[in-house]
Amino acid sequence: MAAPDHEKRMRQALHQADLARKVDEVPVGALVVCQGQIIGRGYNKRESGYDVTLHAEMIAIRQACRYLKSWRLDQCDLYVTLEPCVMCAGAIQQARIRTLYYGADDPKTGACGSVVDVFSLPSNHQVTVVKGILKKESSELLQSFFRQKRLAARLHKINTSAESD
C-alpha cells in the first residue's frame, strides 16, 4: 500500500478519534483493515462504557474477530491514532496483527517503543510497526482535548471558589 493510502486510512482513524472527542472520550481512533477492506473500527468508550478495556484498538480488534469469525488477524493491519498501551499491544500481538500503523507517540504509556516495547520480545509474534503517520494531526487532536479539559477544570475551580466566598 502506498503512503497516501496509509494516510487515507489514518484519516479514517482520526475520524473515529473525533467521534470519541465529541462524546467527551479521549480522542483515539482505530481501524482494522484486511485485504483493503475495513473490518473493524473503534474509538475510546472507556468513560461511557465504564470499562477500562474499551480502548479504540480493543473495540476494532473485537469487531474484526467477529467479522472473520476468528481470533487470528494475521492478514490484517491496524491503524490507530496513538501508540498503543501495554494492554492493547498485548491484544495486537495475541491477534497476530500483521502491521501496526500509528500516528502519535505516547511518552507516558506507549508500549511500542516509547516506554516499553512489547513487540521486541523474541518469543512473541512479530508485529511490524510503522509510526508517525499523520503524527501532527493525531497529536494536535489529543493536545486540544486535554487543553480544553484543563481549562474546564480551572474554570470549575474558580467558580467553586467564588461561590464559597
N, C-alpha and C. Protein backbone atom coordinates (compact mmCIF):
# COMPACT_ATOMS: atom_id res chain seq x y z
N MET A 1 0.85 -1.17 0.00
CA MET A 1 0.00 0.00 0.00
C MET A 1 0.89 1.24 0.00
N ALA A 2 0.61 2.18 -0.86
CA ALA A 2 1.40 3.40 -0.97
C ALA A 2 1.13 4.32 0.22
N ALA A 3 2.08 5.22 0.47
CA ALA A 3 1.96 6.15 1.60
C ALA A 3 0.65 6.92 1.61
N PRO A 4 0.16 7.44 0.46
CA PRO A 4 -1.13 8.15 0.50
C PRO A 4 -2.27 7.26 1.00
N ASP A 5 -2.22 5.95 0.70
CA ASP A 5 -3.24 5.04 1.20
C ASP A 5 -3.17 4.91 2.71
N HIS A 6 -1.95 4.88 3.25
CA HIS A 6 -1.80 4.82 4.71
C HIS A 6 -2.34 6.11 5.33
N GLU A 7 -2.08 7.23 4.69
CA GLU A 7 -2.62 8.49 5.20
C GLU A 7 -4.14 8.50 5.13
N LYS A 8 -4.70 7.94 4.07
CA LYS A 8 -6.16 7.85 3.95
C LYS A 8 -6.73 7.04 5.11
N ARG A 9 -6.12 5.90 5.39
CA ARG A 9 -6.58 5.05 6.50
C ARG A 9 -6.43 5.77 7.83
N MET A 10 -5.31 6.48 8.00
CA MET A 10 -5.12 7.19 9.27
C MET A 10 -6.13 8.33 9.39
N ARG A 11 -6.51 8.96 8.30
CA ARG A 11 -7.56 9.99 8.36
C ARG A 11 -8.89 9.36 8.80
N GLN A 12 -9.14 8.14 8.35
CA GLN A 12 -10.35 7.44 8.79
C GLN A 12 -10.27 7.11 10.28
N ALA A 13 -9.09 6.76 10.76
CA ALA A 13 -8.90 6.53 12.20
C ALA A 13 -9.07 7.85 12.96
N LEU A 14 -8.57 8.94 12.39
CA LEU A 14 -8.76 10.25 13.02
C LEU A 14 -10.24 10.63 13.09
N HIS A 15 -11.01 10.23 12.11
CA HIS A 15 -12.46 10.46 12.16
C HIS A 15 -13.06 9.72 13.37
N GLN A 16 -12.61 8.49 13.59
CA GLN A 16 -13.07 7.73 14.75
C GLN A 16 -12.67 8.46 16.04
N ALA A 17 -11.44 8.97 16.07
CA ALA A 17 -10.96 9.71 17.25
C ALA A 17 -11.82 10.94 17.49
N ASP A 18 -12.22 11.61 16.42
CA ASP A 18 -13.06 12.79 16.58
C ASP A 18 -14.44 12.43 17.12
N LEU A 19 -14.94 11.25 16.76
CA LEU A 19 -16.20 10.78 17.34
C LEU A 19 -16.06 10.62 18.85
N ALA A 20 -14.91 10.12 19.29
CA ALA A 20 -14.65 9.99 20.73
C ALA A 20 -14.65 11.37 21.39
N ARG A 21 -13.96 12.31 20.77
CA ARG A 21 -13.89 13.68 21.32
C ARG A 21 -15.29 14.27 21.49
N LYS A 22 -16.14 14.03 20.52
CA LYS A 22 -17.49 14.61 20.55
C LYS A 22 -18.35 14.08 21.70
N VAL A 23 -17.99 12.91 22.23
CA VAL A 23 -18.73 12.36 23.38
C VAL A 23 -17.88 12.41 24.65
N ASP A 24 -16.87 13.29 24.63
CA ASP A 24 -16.02 13.56 25.79
C ASP A 24 -15.18 12.36 26.23
N GLU A 25 -14.78 11.55 25.26
CA GLU A 25 -13.84 10.46 25.50
C GLU A 25 -12.47 10.90 24.97
N VAL A 26 -11.40 10.33 25.50
CA VAL A 26 -10.07 10.63 24.99
C VAL A 26 -10.05 10.29 23.49
N PRO A 27 -9.69 11.25 22.65
CA PRO A 27 -9.82 11.06 21.20
C PRO A 27 -8.75 10.17 20.57
N VAL A 28 -9.01 8.88 20.65
CA VAL A 28 -8.18 7.88 19.98
C VAL A 28 -9.11 7.05 19.10
N GLY A 29 -8.69 6.83 17.86
CA GLY A 29 -9.48 6.03 16.94
C GLY A 29 -8.64 4.95 16.30
N ALA A 30 -9.30 3.86 15.88
CA ALA A 30 -8.59 2.72 15.30
C ALA A 30 -9.41 2.06 14.21
N LEU A 31 -8.69 1.43 13.27
CA LEU A 31 -9.30 0.65 12.19
C LEU A 31 -8.51 -0.64 12.02
N VAL A 32 -9.21 -1.73 11.73
CA VAL A 32 -8.56 -2.96 11.29
C VAL A 32 -8.90 -3.11 9.82
N VAL A 33 -7.87 -3.28 9.01
CA VAL A 33 -8.03 -3.41 7.56
C VAL A 33 -7.51 -4.77 7.12
N CYS A 34 -8.33 -5.47 6.35
CA CYS A 34 -7.94 -6.79 5.83
C CYS A 34 -8.23 -6.81 4.33
N GLN A 35 -7.20 -7.06 3.55
CA GLN A 35 -7.32 -7.11 2.09
C GLN A 35 -8.02 -5.86 1.55
N GLY A 36 -7.64 -4.71 2.08
CA GLY A 36 -8.15 -3.44 1.61
C GLY A 36 -9.50 -3.03 2.14
N GLN A 37 -10.12 -3.87 2.97
CA GLN A 37 -11.45 -3.59 3.50
C GLN A 37 -11.39 -3.34 5.00
N ILE A 38 -12.11 -2.31 5.46
CA ILE A 38 -12.20 -2.05 6.90
C ILE A 38 -13.15 -3.09 7.49
N ILE A 39 -12.63 -3.89 8.42
CA ILE A 39 -13.47 -4.92 9.05
C ILE A 39 -13.66 -4.69 10.54
N GLY A 40 -13.04 -3.64 11.06
CA GLY A 40 -13.22 -3.27 12.45
C GLY A 40 -12.87 -1.81 12.63
N ARG A 41 -13.64 -1.14 13.44
CA ARG A 41 -13.35 0.27 13.74
C ARG A 41 -13.76 0.54 15.17
N GLY A 42 -13.09 1.51 15.76
CA GLY A 42 -13.45 1.83 17.13
C GLY A 42 -12.87 3.14 17.58
N TYR A 43 -13.46 3.66 18.63
CA TYR A 43 -12.91 4.82 19.32
C TYR A 43 -13.10 4.57 20.81
N ASN A 44 -12.34 5.29 21.61
CA ASN A 44 -12.39 5.09 23.05
C ASN A 44 -13.80 5.25 23.59
N LYS A 45 -14.20 4.30 24.44
CA LYS A 45 -15.51 4.35 25.10
C LYS A 45 -15.39 3.99 26.57
N ARG A 46 -14.20 4.19 27.11
CA ARG A 46 -13.91 3.80 28.48
C ARG A 46 -14.82 4.50 29.49
N GLU A 47 -15.01 5.79 29.31
CA GLU A 47 -15.84 6.57 30.24
C GLU A 47 -17.31 6.17 30.11
N SER A 48 -17.83 6.18 28.90
CA SER A 48 -19.26 5.90 28.70
C SER A 48 -19.60 4.43 28.94
N GLY A 49 -18.65 3.54 28.70
CA GLY A 49 -18.90 2.12 28.89
C GLY A 49 -18.52 1.60 30.27
N TYR A 50 -17.94 2.47 31.10
CA TYR A 50 -17.49 2.08 32.45
C TYR A 50 -16.65 0.81 32.40
N ASP A 51 -15.69 0.81 31.45
CA ASP A 51 -14.91 -0.40 31.21
C ASP A 51 -13.51 0.01 30.76
N VAL A 52 -12.51 -0.36 31.55
CA VAL A 52 -11.13 0.02 31.25
C VAL A 52 -10.61 -0.60 29.95
N THR A 53 -11.25 -1.66 29.47
CA THR A 53 -10.77 -2.31 28.25
C THR A 53 -11.34 -1.71 26.97
N LEU A 54 -12.20 -0.72 27.08
CA LEU A 54 -12.84 -0.16 25.89
C LEU A 54 -11.98 0.91 25.22
N HIS A 55 -10.75 0.52 24.90
CA HIS A 55 -9.87 1.36 24.10
C HIS A 55 -10.22 1.15 22.63
N ALA A 56 -9.89 2.13 21.81
CA ALA A 56 -10.20 2.09 20.38
C ALA A 56 -9.69 0.80 19.72
N GLU A 57 -8.45 0.43 20.04
CA GLU A 57 -7.85 -0.76 19.43
C GLU A 57 -8.60 -2.02 19.81
N MET A 58 -8.97 -2.13 21.08
CA MET A 58 -9.67 -3.33 21.56
C MET A 58 -11.02 -3.48 20.86
N ILE A 59 -11.72 -2.36 20.71
CA ILE A 59 -13.03 -2.39 20.06
C ILE A 59 -12.88 -2.79 18.60
N ALA A 60 -11.92 -2.20 17.91
CA ALA A 60 -11.70 -2.51 16.49
C ALA A 60 -11.28 -3.97 16.30
N ILE A 61 -10.42 -4.47 17.18
CA ILE A 61 -9.97 -5.87 17.10
C ILE A 61 -11.15 -6.81 17.34
N ARG A 62 -11.97 -6.52 18.35
CA ARG A 62 -13.15 -7.37 18.61
C ARG A 62 -14.06 -7.43 17.40
N GLN A 63 -14.33 -6.28 16.79
CA GLN A 63 -15.19 -6.26 15.60
C GLN A 63 -14.59 -7.09 14.48
N ALA A 64 -13.29 -6.95 14.26
CA ALA A 64 -12.62 -7.68 13.19
C ALA A 64 -12.67 -9.19 13.44
N CYS A 65 -12.44 -9.59 14.67
CA CYS A 65 -12.51 -11.03 15.01
C CYS A 65 -13.91 -11.58 14.77
N ARG A 66 -14.91 -10.83 15.15
CA ARG A 66 -16.29 -11.27 14.91
C ARG A 66 -16.59 -11.34 13.42
N TYR A 67 -16.11 -10.36 12.67
CA TYR A 67 -16.34 -10.33 11.23
C TYR A 67 -15.72 -11.57 10.56
N LEU A 68 -14.48 -11.88 10.94
CA LEU A 68 -13.78 -13.03 10.34
C LEU A 68 -14.14 -14.35 11.01
N LYS A 69 -14.84 -14.27 12.15
CA LYS A 69 -15.15 -15.46 12.95
C LYS A 69 -13.86 -16.22 13.30
N SER A 70 -12.87 -15.43 13.70
CA SER A 70 -11.57 -15.98 14.06
C SER A 70 -10.84 -14.97 14.94
N TRP A 71 -10.06 -15.48 15.87
CA TRP A 71 -9.25 -14.58 16.69
C TRP A 71 -7.94 -14.24 15.98
N ARG A 72 -7.63 -14.97 14.93
CA ARG A 72 -6.39 -14.74 14.18
C ARG A 72 -6.60 -13.67 13.12
N LEU A 73 -5.88 -12.58 13.27
CA LEU A 73 -5.97 -11.48 12.31
C LEU A 73 -4.64 -11.32 11.57
N ASP A 74 -4.02 -12.45 11.22
CA ASP A 74 -2.67 -12.42 10.66
C ASP A 74 -2.57 -11.86 9.25
N GLN A 75 -3.68 -11.62 8.61
CA GLN A 75 -3.68 -10.97 7.30
C GLN A 75 -4.18 -9.53 7.40
N CYS A 76 -4.24 -9.02 8.62
CA CYS A 76 -4.84 -7.70 8.87
C CYS A 76 -3.81 -6.70 9.39
N ASP A 77 -4.12 -5.45 9.14
CA ASP A 77 -3.32 -4.33 9.63
C ASP A 77 -4.19 -3.47 10.54
N LEU A 78 -3.56 -2.84 11.51
CA LEU A 78 -4.27 -1.96 12.44
C LEU A 78 -3.73 -0.54 12.29
N TYR A 79 -4.63 0.40 12.18
CA TYR A 79 -4.30 1.83 12.15
C TYR A 79 -4.87 2.44 13.42
N VAL A 80 -4.03 3.15 14.15
CA VAL A 80 -4.50 3.79 15.39
C VAL A 80 -3.81 5.14 15.53
N THR A 81 -4.53 6.10 16.05
CA THR A 81 -4.02 7.47 16.11
C THR A 81 -2.97 7.69 17.19
N LEU A 82 -2.93 6.83 18.20
CA LEU A 82 -1.97 6.96 19.30
C LEU A 82 -1.28 5.63 19.54
N GLU A 83 -0.01 5.68 19.85
CA GLU A 83 0.75 4.48 20.17
C GLU A 83 0.00 3.66 21.23
N PRO A 84 -0.20 2.37 20.97
CA PRO A 84 -0.95 1.53 21.91
C PRO A 84 -0.27 1.38 23.28
N CYS A 85 -1.11 1.19 24.29
CA CYS A 85 -0.65 0.90 25.65
C CYS A 85 -0.29 -0.59 25.74
N VAL A 86 0.15 -1.03 26.90
CA VAL A 86 0.54 -2.43 27.09
C VAL A 86 -0.63 -3.37 26.83
N MET A 87 -1.82 -3.04 27.34
CA MET A 87 -2.99 -3.91 27.14
C MET A 87 -3.28 -4.07 25.65
N CYS A 88 -3.32 -2.96 24.94
CA CYS A 88 -3.66 -3.01 23.51
C CYS A 88 -2.54 -3.66 22.70
N ALA A 89 -1.30 -3.38 23.05
CA ALA A 89 -0.18 -4.03 22.35
C ALA A 89 -0.24 -5.54 22.56
N GLY A 90 -0.61 -5.97 23.75
CA GLY A 90 -0.78 -7.40 24.01
C GLY A 90 -1.87 -8.00 23.15
N ALA A 91 -2.99 -7.30 23.02
CA ALA A 91 -4.09 -7.78 22.17
C ALA A 91 -3.66 -7.83 20.71
N ILE A 92 -2.91 -6.83 20.27
CA ILE A 92 -2.41 -6.79 18.89
C ILE A 92 -1.52 -8.00 18.64
N GLN A 93 -0.65 -8.27 19.59
CA GLN A 93 0.26 -9.42 19.47
C GLN A 93 -0.53 -10.72 19.50
N GLN A 94 -1.47 -10.84 20.41
CA GLN A 94 -2.25 -12.08 20.52
C GLN A 94 -3.13 -12.32 19.29
N ALA A 95 -3.63 -11.26 18.69
CA ALA A 95 -4.48 -11.38 17.49
C ALA A 95 -3.64 -11.65 16.24
N ARG A 96 -2.33 -11.56 16.39
CA ARG A 96 -1.41 -11.81 15.27
C ARG A 96 -1.54 -10.76 14.16
N ILE A 97 -1.85 -9.52 14.55
CA ILE A 97 -1.92 -8.42 13.58
C ILE A 97 -0.61 -8.38 12.81
N ARG A 98 -0.71 -8.18 11.51
CA ARG A 98 0.48 -8.18 10.64
C ARG A 98 1.29 -6.90 10.82
N THR A 99 0.64 -5.75 10.63
CA THR A 99 1.34 -4.47 10.72
C THR A 99 0.51 -3.48 11.52
N LEU A 100 1.17 -2.77 12.41
CA LEU A 100 0.57 -1.70 13.19
C LEU A 100 1.07 -0.37 12.64
N TYR A 101 0.14 0.50 12.29
CA TYR A 101 0.46 1.86 11.86
C TYR A 101 -0.13 2.79 12.91
N TYR A 102 0.70 3.68 13.46
CA TYR A 102 0.13 4.63 14.42
C TYR A 102 0.63 6.04 14.17
N GLY A 103 -0.14 6.99 14.70
CA GLY A 103 0.16 8.41 14.50
C GLY A 103 1.12 8.96 15.53
N ALA A 104 0.60 9.32 16.69
CA ALA A 104 1.38 9.99 17.73
C ALA A 104 2.01 9.00 18.70
N ASP A 105 3.23 9.31 19.13
CA ASP A 105 3.88 8.55 20.19
C ASP A 105 3.18 8.87 21.51
N ASP A 106 3.22 7.91 22.44
CA ASP A 106 2.67 8.13 23.78
C ASP A 106 3.80 8.02 24.79
N PRO A 107 4.39 9.16 25.19
CA PRO A 107 5.54 9.12 26.09
C PRO A 107 5.21 8.67 27.51
N LYS A 108 3.92 8.56 27.86
CA LYS A 108 3.54 8.14 29.21
C LYS A 108 3.27 6.64 29.30
N THR A 109 2.55 6.09 28.31
CA THR A 109 2.16 4.68 28.41
C THR A 109 2.39 3.90 27.12
N GLY A 110 3.12 4.45 26.18
CA GLY A 110 3.34 3.78 24.90
C GLY A 110 4.10 2.47 25.05
N ALA A 111 3.54 1.42 24.45
CA ALA A 111 4.14 0.09 24.59
C ALA A 111 4.73 -0.44 23.28
N CYS A 112 5.03 0.48 22.36
CA CYS A 112 5.63 0.09 21.08
C CYS A 112 6.97 0.78 20.89
N GLY A 113 7.61 1.10 22.01
CA GLY A 113 8.93 1.69 21.95
C GLY A 113 9.11 2.95 22.77
N SER A 114 8.04 3.69 23.05
CA SER A 114 8.20 4.94 23.80
C SER A 114 8.55 4.69 25.26
N VAL A 115 7.84 3.77 25.92
CA VAL A 115 8.11 3.44 27.31
C VAL A 115 8.64 2.01 27.40
N VAL A 116 7.92 1.10 26.81
CA VAL A 116 8.34 -0.30 26.69
C VAL A 116 8.08 -0.73 25.25
N ASP A 117 8.60 -1.90 24.88
CA ASP A 117 8.34 -2.41 23.54
C ASP A 117 7.90 -3.86 23.63
N VAL A 118 6.60 -4.05 23.70
CA VAL A 118 6.01 -5.39 23.81
C VAL A 118 6.43 -6.27 22.63
N PHE A 119 6.56 -5.66 21.46
CA PHE A 119 6.83 -6.44 20.26
C PHE A 119 8.29 -6.86 20.11
N SER A 120 9.17 -6.38 20.99
CA SER A 120 10.58 -6.72 20.88
C SER A 120 10.93 -8.08 21.49
N LEU A 121 10.01 -8.66 22.24
CA LEU A 121 10.28 -9.96 22.85
C LEU A 121 10.36 -11.02 21.75
N PRO A 122 11.45 -11.75 21.67
CA PRO A 122 11.64 -12.70 20.56
C PRO A 122 10.64 -13.85 20.56
N SER A 123 10.06 -14.17 21.71
CA SER A 123 9.11 -15.29 21.76
C SER A 123 7.72 -14.90 21.28
N ASN A 124 7.47 -13.59 21.15
CA ASN A 124 6.16 -13.11 20.71
C ASN A 124 6.03 -13.12 19.20
N HIS A 125 4.78 -13.13 18.74
CA HIS A 125 4.50 -12.89 17.32
C HIS A 125 5.12 -11.55 16.96
N GLN A 126 5.79 -11.49 15.85
CA GLN A 126 6.46 -10.25 15.45
C GLN A 126 5.51 -9.37 14.64
N VAL A 127 5.23 -8.22 15.16
CA VAL A 127 4.37 -7.24 14.52
C VAL A 127 5.26 -6.16 13.91
N THR A 128 5.05 -5.87 12.64
CA THR A 128 5.76 -4.76 12.02
C THR A 128 5.10 -3.47 12.50
N VAL A 129 5.91 -2.50 12.92
CA VAL A 129 5.38 -1.24 13.44
C VAL A 129 5.86 -0.09 12.55
N VAL A 130 4.90 0.71 12.09
CA VAL A 130 5.20 1.91 11.31
C VAL A 130 4.58 3.07 12.08
N LYS A 131 5.43 3.98 12.54
CA LYS A 131 4.91 5.07 13.37
C LYS A 131 5.02 6.41 12.65
N GLY A 132 4.27 7.37 13.17
CA GLY A 132 4.39 8.74 12.69
C GLY A 132 3.49 9.11 11.52
N ILE A 133 2.52 8.26 11.16
CA ILE A 133 1.62 8.60 10.06
C ILE A 133 0.60 9.62 10.58
N LEU A 134 0.60 10.79 9.97
CA LEU A 134 -0.24 11.92 10.41
C LEU A 134 -0.04 12.20 11.91
N LYS A 135 1.21 12.14 12.31
CA LYS A 135 1.57 12.36 13.72
C LYS A 135 1.10 13.72 14.21
N LYS A 136 1.31 14.76 13.41
CA LYS A 136 0.93 16.11 13.82
C LYS A 136 -0.57 16.21 14.08
N GLU A 137 -1.37 15.69 13.16
CA GLU A 137 -2.82 15.75 13.31
C GLU A 137 -3.29 14.96 14.53
N SER A 138 -2.70 13.78 14.72
CA SER A 138 -3.06 12.94 15.87
C SER A 138 -2.69 13.63 17.18
N SER A 139 -1.50 14.19 17.23
CA SER A 139 -1.04 14.90 18.44
C SER A 139 -1.89 16.12 18.73
N GLU A 140 -2.20 16.89 17.69
CA GLU A 140 -2.98 18.11 17.90
C GLU A 140 -4.38 17.80 18.43
N LEU A 141 -4.99 16.74 17.95
CA LEU A 141 -6.33 16.37 18.43
C LEU A 141 -6.28 16.05 19.93
N LEU A 142 -5.28 15.28 20.34
CA LEU A 142 -5.13 14.93 21.76
C LEU A 142 -4.80 16.16 22.60
N GLN A 143 -3.85 16.98 22.13
CA GLN A 143 -3.45 18.16 22.89
C GLN A 143 -4.62 19.13 23.07
N SER A 144 -5.39 19.32 22.02
CA SER A 144 -6.55 20.21 22.09
C SER A 144 -7.57 19.69 23.10
N PHE A 145 -7.81 18.39 23.08
CA PHE A 145 -8.76 17.77 24.01
C PHE A 145 -8.34 18.01 25.46
N PHE A 146 -7.07 17.72 25.76
CA PHE A 146 -6.61 17.87 27.14
C PHE A 146 -6.48 19.34 27.55
N ARG A 147 -6.17 20.21 26.61
CA ARG A 147 -6.15 21.64 26.89
C ARG A 147 -7.54 22.10 27.33
N GLN A 148 -8.57 21.66 26.62
CA GLN A 148 -9.95 22.01 26.98
C GLN A 148 -10.33 21.43 28.34
N LYS A 149 -9.88 20.22 28.62
CA LYS A 149 -10.16 19.59 29.92
C LYS A 149 -9.54 20.40 31.06
N ARG A 150 -8.27 20.82 30.87
CA ARG A 150 -7.59 21.60 31.91
C ARG A 150 -8.28 22.95 32.11
N LEU A 151 -8.68 23.58 31.01
CA LEU A 151 -9.37 24.86 31.11
C LEU A 151 -10.69 24.71 31.85
N ALA A 152 -11.45 23.69 31.52
CA ALA A 152 -12.74 23.44 32.20
C ALA A 152 -12.52 23.20 33.68
N ALA A 153 -11.47 22.47 34.03
CA ALA A 153 -11.17 22.20 35.45
C ALA A 153 -10.81 23.49 36.18
N ARG A 154 -10.02 24.36 35.53
CA ARG A 154 -9.66 25.64 36.14
C ARG A 154 -10.89 26.52 36.34
N LEU A 155 -11.74 26.58 35.33
CA LEU A 155 -12.96 27.38 35.44
C LEU A 155 -13.87 26.86 36.54
N HIS A 156 -13.96 25.54 36.65
CA HIS A 156 -14.78 24.94 37.71
C HIS A 156 -14.22 25.32 39.08
N LYS A 157 -12.91 25.27 39.21
CA LYS A 157 -12.26 25.61 40.48
C LYS A 157 -12.50 27.08 40.83
N ILE A 158 -12.39 27.95 39.83
CA ILE A 158 -12.63 29.38 40.06
C ILE A 158 -14.08 29.61 40.47
N ASN A 159 -15.01 28.98 39.77
CA ASN A 159 -16.44 29.14 40.09
C ASN A 159 -16.77 28.60 41.47
N THR A 160 -16.17 27.47 41.82
CA THR A 160 -16.40 26.87 43.14
C THR A 160 -15.85 27.79 44.23
N SER A 161 -14.67 28.38 44.01
CA SER A 161 -14.07 29.29 44.99
C SER A 161 -14.92 30.55 45.15
N ALA A 162 -15.42 31.06 44.03
CA ALA A 162 -16.24 32.28 44.06
C ALA A 162 -17.55 32.04 44.81
N GLU A 163 -18.12 30.87 44.65
CA GLU A 163 -19.38 30.53 45.32
C GLU A 163 -19.21 30.40 46.83
N SER A 164 -18.04 29.93 47.26
CA SER A 164 -17.82 29.72 48.69
C SER A 164 -17.42 31.01 49.41
N ASP A 165 -17.10 32.06 48.64
CA ASP A 165 -16.72 33.34 49.28
C ASP A 165 -17.87 34.13 49.76
